[in-house]
Amino acid sequence: MREILAGKGREAITALVAKDKALEPEANAIAAVDKLVRYHRDLFKLLNNFVSFRDFYRRKDKAMFQVGTLYLDQRS
């Protein structure tokens, strides 16, 4: 830390932070598009299963709770 503060490291870090801050709107827009794409992909399935449990009763695929491994008390 002393070397950074003594040299030009502080100015370099400040410049990098300013550069990142300038790109904040672009990063927020990318995050919003990502969120929208995930809603578009998953919302229909979520609502279908929230209301009627279609995937649960259809037995075509495994239910969400059957996909992974349940760990309780360090046992699976």
C-alpha atoms as a PDB file:
ATOM      1  CA  MET A   1       0.000   0.000   0.000  1.00  0.00           C
ATOM      2  CA  ARG A   2       2.807   2.397   0.806  1.00  0.00           C
ATOM      3  CA  GLU A   3       4.393   1.789  -2.600  1.00  0.00           C
ATOM      4  CA  ILE A   4       1.098   2.432  -4.346  1.00  0.00           C
ATOM      5  CA  LEU A   5       0.485   5.622  -2.385  1.00  0.00           C
ATOM      6  CA  ALA A   6       4.079   6.808  -2.807  1.00  0.00           C
ATOM      7  CA  GLY A   7       4.219   6.223  -6.567  1.00  0.00           C
ATOM      8  CA  LYS A   8       1.815   6.834  -9.415  1.00  0.00           C
ATOM      9  CA  GLY A   9      -0.305   3.844  -8.465  1.00  0.00           C
ATOM     10  CA  ARG A  10      -2.912   5.976  -6.780  1.00  0.00           C
ATOM     11  CA  GLU A  11      -3.489   8.036  -9.930  1.00  0.00           C
ATOM     12  CA  ALA A  12      -3.657   4.878 -12.036  1.00  0.00           C
ATOM     13  CA  ILE A  13      -6.216   3.289  -9.719  1.00  0.00           C
ATOM     14  CA  THR A  14      -8.265   6.499  -9.629  1.00  0.00           C
ATOM     15  CA  ALA A  15      -8.220   6.638 -13.441  1.00  0.00           C
ATOM     16  CA  LEU A  16      -9.361   3.012 -13.677  1.00  0.00           C
ATOM     17  CA  VAL A  17     -12.198   3.639 -11.224  1.00  0.00           C
ATOM     18  CA  ALA A  18     -13.283   6.699 -13.226  1.00  0.00           C
ATOM     19  CA  LYS A  19     -13.192   4.647 -16.422  1.00  0.00           C
ATOM     20  CA  ASP A  20     -15.373   1.961 -14.825  1.00  0.00           C
ATOM     21  CA  LYS A  21     -17.763   4.602 -13.503  1.00  0.00           C
ATOM     22  CA  ALA A  22     -18.110   6.047 -17.014  1.00  0.00           C
ATOM     23  CA  LEU A  23     -19.188   2.631 -18.325  1.00  0.00           C
ATOM     24  CA  GLU A  24     -21.781   2.113 -15.578  1.00  0.00           C
ATOM     25  CA  PRO A  25     -24.827   2.913 -17.795  1.00  0.00           C
ATOM     26  CA  GLU A  26     -23.645   0.403 -20.394  1.00  0.00           C
ATOM     27  CA  ALA A  27     -23.121  -2.285 -17.746  1.00  0.00           C
ATOM     28  CA  ASN A  28     -26.578  -1.585 -16.310  1.00  0.00           C
ATOM     29  CA  ALA A  29     -28.116  -1.879 -19.785  1.00  0.00           C
ATOM     30  CA  ILE A  30     -26.389  -5.221 -20.351  1.00  0.00           C
ATOM     31  CA  ALA A  31     -27.665  -6.475 -16.993  1.00  0.00           C
ATOM     32  CA  ALA A  32     -31.199  -5.347 -17.861  1.00  0.00           C
ATOM     33  CA  VAL A  33     -31.109  -7.155 -21.216  1.00  0.00           C
ATOM     34  CA  ASP A  34     -29.809 -10.284 -19.514  1.00  0.00           C
ATOM     35  CA  LYS A  35     -32.652 -10.108 -16.992  1.00  0.00           C
ATOM     36  CA  LEU A  36     -35.217  -9.640 -19.770  1.00  0.00           C
ATOM     37  CA  VAL A  37     -33.873 -12.618 -21.712  1.00  0.00           C
ATOM     38  CA  ARG A  38     -34.086 -14.828 -18.615  1.00  0.00           C
ATOM     39  CA  TYR A  39     -37.657 -13.663 -17.934  1.00  0.00           C
ATOM     40  CA  HIS A  40     -38.599 -14.449 -21.525  1.00  0.00           C
ATOM     41  CA  ARG A  41     -37.013 -17.896 -21.270  1.00  0.00           C
ATOM     42  CA  ASP A  42     -38.336 -18.945 -17.858  1.00  0.00           C
ATOM     43  CA  LEU A  43     -41.485 -16.999 -16.994  1.00  0.00           C
ATOM     44  CA  PHE A  44     -43.928 -19.191 -18.923  1.00  0.00           C
ATOM     45  CA  LYS A  45     -42.583 -22.371 -17.365  1.00  0.00           C
ATOM     46  CA  LEU A  46     -42.567 -20.815 -13.901  1.00  0.00           C
ATOM     47  CA  LEU A  47     -46.161 -19.602 -14.175  1.00  0.00           C
ATOM     48  CA  ASN A  48     -47.369 -22.904 -15.581  1.00  0.00           C
ATOM     49  CA  ASN A  49     -45.849 -24.791 -12.694  1.00  0.00           C
ATOM     50  CA  PHE A  50     -46.849 -22.206 -10.095  1.00  0.00           C
ATOM     51  CA  VAL A  51     -50.528 -22.451 -11.036  1.00  0.00           C
ATOM     52  CA  SER A  52     -51.095 -26.044 -12.149  1.00  0.00           C
ATOM     53  CA  PHE A  53     -47.874 -27.981 -11.357  1.00  0.00           C
ATOM     54  CA  ARG A  54     -47.948 -29.226 -14.968  1.00  0.00           C
ATOM     55  CA  ASP A  55     -44.369 -30.500 -15.019  1.00  0.00           C
ATOM     56  CA  PHE A  56     -44.817 -32.155 -11.637  1.00  0.00           C
ATOM     57  CA  TYR A  57     -47.825 -34.245 -12.690  1.00  0.00           C
ATOM     58  CA  ARG A  58     -46.811 -34.876 -16.298  1.00  0.00           C
ATOM     59  CA  ARG A  59     -43.783 -37.014 -15.352  1.00  0.00           C
ATOM     60  CA  LYS A  60     -42.125 -36.337 -18.708  1.00  0.00           C
ATOM     61  CA  ASP A  61     -39.099 -34.775 -17.029  1.00  0.00           C
ATOM     62  CA  LYS A  62     -37.835 -34.968 -13.501  1.00  0.00           C
ATOM     63  CA  ALA A  63     -39.345 -32.498 -11.095  1.00  0.00           C
ATOM     64  CA  MET A  64     -37.118 -29.676  -9.910  1.00  0.00           C
ATOM     65  CA  PHE A  65     -36.554 -31.301  -6.533  1.00  0.00           C
ATOM     66  CA  GLN A  66     -35.457 -34.550  -8.238  1.00  0.00           C
ATOM     67  CA  VAL A  67     -32.771 -32.960 -10.411  1.00  0.00           C
ATOM     68  CA  GLY A  68     -30.038 -32.433  -7.836  1.00  0.00           C
ATOM     69  CA  THR A  69     -28.791 -34.114  -4.696  1.00  0.00           C
ATOM     70  CA  LEU A  70     -30.216 -33.217  -1.309  1.00  0.00           C
ATOM     71  CA  TYR A  71     -27.684 -32.901   1.487  1.00  0.00           C
ATOM     72  CA  LEU A  72     -28.802 -33.073   5.112  1.00  0.00           C
ATOM     73  CA  ASP A  73     -26.461 -33.490   8.073  1.00  0.00           C
ATOM     74  CA  GLN A  74     -23.512 -34.117   5.713  1.00  0.00           C
ATOM     75  CA  ARG A  75     -25.341 -37.015   4.069  1.00  0.00           C
ATOM     76  CA  SER A  76     -26.772 -37.164   0.574  1.00  0.00           C
END
